[in-house]
Each structure stands twice: as structure tokens, then as C-alpha cells.
N, C-alpha and C. Protein backbone atom coordinates (compact mmCIF):
# COMPACT_ATOMS: atom_id res chain seq x y z
N UNK A 1 279.93 17.17 -50.47
CA UNK A 1 279.77 17.79 -51.75
C UNK A 1 278.22 17.97 -52.16
N UNK A 2 277.46 16.76 -52.03
CA UNK A 2 276.08 16.92 -52.44
C UNK A 2 275.32 18.03 -51.44
N UNK A 3 275.71 18.01 -50.08
CA UNK A 3 275.01 18.80 -49.25
C UNK A 3 275.20 20.33 -49.62
N UNK A 4 276.49 20.50 -50.26
CA UNK A 4 276.96 21.84 -50.65
C UNK A 4 276.12 22.15 -51.89
N UNK A 5 276.03 21.34 -52.62
CA UNK A 5 275.35 21.56 -53.81
C UNK A 5 273.99 21.95 -53.49
N UNK A 6 273.27 21.20 -52.66
CA UNK A 6 271.75 21.41 -52.42
C UNK A 6 271.70 22.65 -51.62
N UNK A 7 272.73 23.17 -50.79
CA UNK A 7 272.52 24.50 -50.16
C UNK A 7 272.63 25.51 -51.29
N UNK A 8 273.57 25.45 -52.20
CA UNK A 8 273.57 26.61 -53.11
C UNK A 8 272.39 26.51 -54.05
N UNK A 9 271.82 25.18 -54.52
CA UNK A 9 270.76 25.26 -55.36
C UNK A 9 269.42 25.96 -54.57
N UNK A 10 269.25 25.57 -53.31
CA UNK A 10 268.19 26.32 -52.64
C UNK A 10 268.42 27.80 -52.35
N UNK A 11 269.61 28.24 -52.30
CA UNK A 11 269.85 29.67 -52.13
C UNK A 11 269.42 30.36 -53.54
N UNK A 12 269.77 29.77 -54.75
CA UNK A 12 269.79 30.18 -55.99
C UNK A 12 268.27 30.39 -56.33
N UNK A 13 267.49 29.29 -56.07
CA UNK A 13 266.09 29.25 -56.30
C UNK A 13 265.39 30.30 -55.75
N UNK A 14 265.65 30.15 -54.41
CA UNK A 14 264.83 31.21 -53.40
C UNK A 14 265.19 32.67 -53.86
N UNK A 15 266.44 32.99 -54.08
CA UNK A 15 266.99 34.17 -54.57
C UNK A 15 266.05 34.54 -55.99
N UNK A 16 266.08 33.70 -56.76
CA UNK A 16 265.34 33.88 -58.08
C UNK A 16 263.90 34.37 -57.85
N UNK A 17 263.11 33.57 -56.99
CA UNK A 17 261.87 33.59 -56.59
C UNK A 17 261.51 35.19 -56.14
N UNK A 18 262.47 35.77 -55.42
CA UNK A 18 262.44 37.03 -54.82
C UNK A 18 262.72 38.26 -55.81
N UNK A 19 263.35 37.83 -56.70
CA UNK A 19 263.61 39.21 -57.73
C UNK A 19 262.66 39.30 -58.65
N UNK A 20 262.32 40.47 -58.87
CA UNK A 20 261.17 41.02 -59.69
C UNK A 20 261.30 40.61 -61.26
N UNK A 21 262.40 40.49 -61.45
CA UNK A 21 262.62 40.09 -63.05
C UNK A 21 263.09 38.65 -63.10
N UNK A 22 263.18 37.98 -64.10
CA UNK A 22 263.61 36.57 -64.30
C UNK A 22 265.04 36.58 -64.61
N UNK A 23 265.87 36.22 -63.46
CA UNK A 23 267.40 36.50 -63.62
C UNK A 23 267.88 35.02 -64.34
N UNK A 24 268.90 35.35 -64.93
CA UNK A 24 269.70 34.14 -65.75
C UNK A 24 270.68 33.71 -64.76
N UNK A 25 271.53 32.80 -65.16
CA UNK A 25 272.52 32.31 -64.21
C UNK A 25 273.68 33.22 -63.87
N UNK A 26 273.99 33.97 -65.08
CA UNK A 26 275.12 35.22 -64.51
C UNK A 26 274.59 36.05 -63.24
N UNK A 27 273.41 36.45 -63.41
CA UNK A 27 272.91 37.44 -62.18
C UNK A 27 272.95 36.60 -60.89
N UNK A 28 272.59 35.40 -61.04
CA UNK A 28 272.32 34.61 -59.83
C UNK A 28 273.84 34.03 -59.37
N UNK A 29 274.71 34.00 -60.26
CA UNK A 29 276.06 33.67 -59.82
C UNK A 29 276.63 34.89 -58.76
N UNK A 30 276.43 36.10 -59.38
CA UNK A 30 276.79 37.35 -58.78
C UNK A 30 276.15 37.47 -57.51
N UNK A 31 274.87 37.05 -57.30
CA UNK A 31 274.41 37.14 -56.06
C UNK A 31 274.94 36.12 -55.09
N UNK A 32 275.06 34.91 -55.73
CA UNK A 32 275.93 33.88 -54.89
C UNK A 32 277.14 34.29 -54.25
N UNK A 33 277.80 34.82 -55.16
CA UNK A 33 279.33 35.37 -54.88
C UNK A 33 279.06 36.59 -53.76
N UNK A 34 278.16 37.28 -53.92
CA UNK A 34 277.97 38.39 -52.92
C UNK A 34 277.71 37.71 -51.51
N UNK A 35 277.03 36.79 -51.40
CA UNK A 35 276.53 36.04 -49.96
C UNK A 35 277.66 35.09 -49.52
N UNK A 36 278.78 35.03 -50.49
CA UNK A 36 279.77 34.36 -49.89
C UNK A 36 279.89 32.70 -50.25
N UNK A 37 279.20 32.34 -51.26
CA UNK A 37 279.15 31.15 -51.82
C UNK A 37 280.49 31.06 -52.54
N UNK A 38 281.16 30.05 -52.78
CA UNK A 38 282.32 29.82 -53.54
C UNK A 38 281.90 28.85 -54.66
N UNK A 39 281.53 29.40 -55.67
CA UNK A 39 281.06 28.58 -56.79
C UNK A 39 281.47 29.45 -58.26
N UNK A 40 281.57 28.41 -59.37
CA UNK A 40 281.64 29.21 -60.59
C UNK A 40 280.38 29.37 -61.38
N UNK A 41 280.55 30.19 -62.39
CA UNK A 41 279.45 30.46 -63.33
C UNK A 41 278.97 29.00 -63.98
N UNK A 42 279.73 28.15 -64.23
CA UNK A 42 279.15 26.96 -64.83
C UNK A 42 278.66 25.86 -63.82
N UNK A 43 279.23 26.09 -62.67
CA UNK A 43 278.57 25.28 -61.72
C UNK A 43 277.24 25.81 -61.36
N UNK A 44 276.90 27.22 -61.36
CA UNK A 44 275.49 27.64 -61.02
C UNK A 44 274.64 27.33 -62.14
N UNK A 45 275.05 27.46 -63.51
CA UNK A 45 274.35 27.13 -64.62
C UNK A 45 273.94 25.54 -64.67
N UNK A 46 274.99 24.69 -64.15
CA UNK A 46 274.55 23.21 -64.05
C UNK A 46 273.58 22.94 -63.14
N UNK A 47 273.84 23.65 -61.90
CA UNK A 47 272.77 23.37 -60.71
C UNK A 47 271.20 23.76 -61.05
N UNK A 48 271.31 24.88 -62.00
CA UNK A 48 269.92 25.58 -62.02
C UNK A 48 269.41 24.56 -63.23
N UNK A 49 269.91 24.02 -64.13
CA UNK A 49 269.74 23.15 -65.02
C UNK A 49 269.19 21.86 -64.41
N UNK A 50 269.89 21.38 -63.61
CA UNK A 50 269.34 20.17 -62.92
C UNK A 50 268.25 20.23 -62.02
N UNK A 51 267.84 21.52 -61.58
CA UNK A 51 266.73 21.85 -60.77
C UNK A 51 265.58 22.13 -61.65
N UNK A 52 265.87 22.25 -63.02
CA UNK A 52 264.69 22.50 -63.88
C UNK A 52 264.41 23.99 -63.98
N UNK A 53 265.18 24.81 -63.58
CA UNK A 53 264.91 26.06 -63.64
C UNK A 53 265.23 26.74 -65.04
N UNK A 54 264.40 27.55 -65.64
CA UNK A 54 264.48 28.28 -67.14
C UNK A 54 264.48 29.63 -66.85
N UNK A 55 265.24 30.61 -67.27
CA UNK A 55 265.01 32.01 -67.37
C UNK A 55 264.47 32.05 -68.73
N UNK A 56 263.73 33.43 -68.99
CA UNK A 56 263.11 33.66 -70.14
C UNK A 56 263.92 34.84 -70.65
N UNK A 57 264.02 34.82 -72.10
CA UNK A 57 264.70 35.98 -72.79
C UNK A 57 263.57 36.90 -73.30
N UNK A 58 263.83 38.31 -73.24
CA UNK A 58 262.99 39.25 -73.79
C UNK A 58 263.09 39.44 -75.18
N UNK A 59 262.00 39.20 -75.80
CA UNK A 59 261.82 39.53 -77.21
C UNK A 59 261.99 41.03 -77.72
N UNK A 60 261.37 41.49 -76.71
CA UNK A 60 261.32 43.18 -76.91
C UNK A 60 261.88 43.79 -75.62
N UNK A 61 262.26 45.07 -75.65
CA UNK A 61 262.74 45.54 -74.54
C UNK A 61 261.59 45.81 -73.44
N UNK A 62 261.53 45.26 -72.32
CA UNK A 62 260.32 45.38 -71.14
C UNK A 62 259.15 44.29 -71.45
N UNK A 63 259.41 43.29 -72.48
CA UNK A 63 258.47 42.30 -72.69
C UNK A 63 259.07 40.96 -72.26
N UNK A 64 258.21 40.33 -71.31
CA UNK A 64 258.66 39.00 -70.78
C UNK A 64 257.33 38.07 -71.30
N UNK A 65 257.81 37.15 -72.34
CA UNK A 65 256.65 36.32 -72.78
C UNK A 65 256.40 35.23 -71.84
N UNK A 66 257.24 34.32 -71.35
CA UNK A 66 257.07 33.13 -70.50
C UNK A 66 257.43 33.40 -68.96
N UNK A 67 256.62 33.09 -68.25
CA UNK A 67 257.04 33.26 -66.71
C UNK A 67 258.02 32.02 -66.53
N UNK A 68 258.86 32.33 -65.39
CA UNK A 68 260.02 31.36 -64.88
C UNK A 68 259.39 29.95 -64.77
N UNK A 69 260.07 29.02 -64.69
CA UNK A 69 259.43 27.68 -64.18
C UNK A 69 260.25 27.36 -63.00
N UNK A 70 259.54 27.19 -62.04
CA UNK A 70 260.00 26.58 -60.89
C UNK A 70 259.53 25.40 -60.44
N UNK A 71 260.20 24.23 -61.20
CA UNK A 71 259.51 22.96 -60.76
C UNK A 71 259.94 22.47 -59.44
N UNK A 72 259.03 21.90 -58.70
CA UNK A 72 259.17 21.24 -57.45
C UNK A 72 259.11 22.27 -56.36
N UNK A 73 258.88 23.63 -56.61
CA UNK A 73 258.79 24.59 -55.72
C UNK A 73 257.37 25.24 -55.60
N UNK A 74 256.67 24.76 -56.58
CA UNK A 74 255.30 25.47 -56.65
C UNK A 74 254.32 25.00 -55.68
N UNK A 75 253.55 25.80 -55.06
CA UNK A 75 252.57 25.32 -54.01
C UNK A 75 251.14 24.61 -54.54
């Protein structure tokens, strides 16, 4: 189970890095479903929270105030 969670978490964080926008857990959940991972929205949200990932919400259309936080993945 732990290995499966690590696999899903690494996939989600890599996919989030590749996207131009800052995706939330719902968009990343859809990406995981499309790739064949069997997981629920709540599981994706929990795994991202445990990894320290935070998306940001737009205050105005087209405005992104804070960049996403990728703890442990920065070089």
C-alpha cells in the first residue's frame, strides 16, 4: 500500500510541475484517472497535503499571487 501511495504521489507532483497553471487536487485526480491510477478525490487530496503541495487560488481572473510550493522537489 505504501509503495502504491508513493507511486501516485510522485506522479501527481510531476504532473503538477509540468502544467502551466497551478492545478488543484480535482484536476490532478482527473489526470491520475486518465493515466489508469485507481484512486479517489479524497485520497489525492490527502496525498498532496502530506507531500506539502499547495495550489493557489486566483484572486482575479488571470492573476496568480503565490507560486505553488513543491517541498522536497526543489533543486
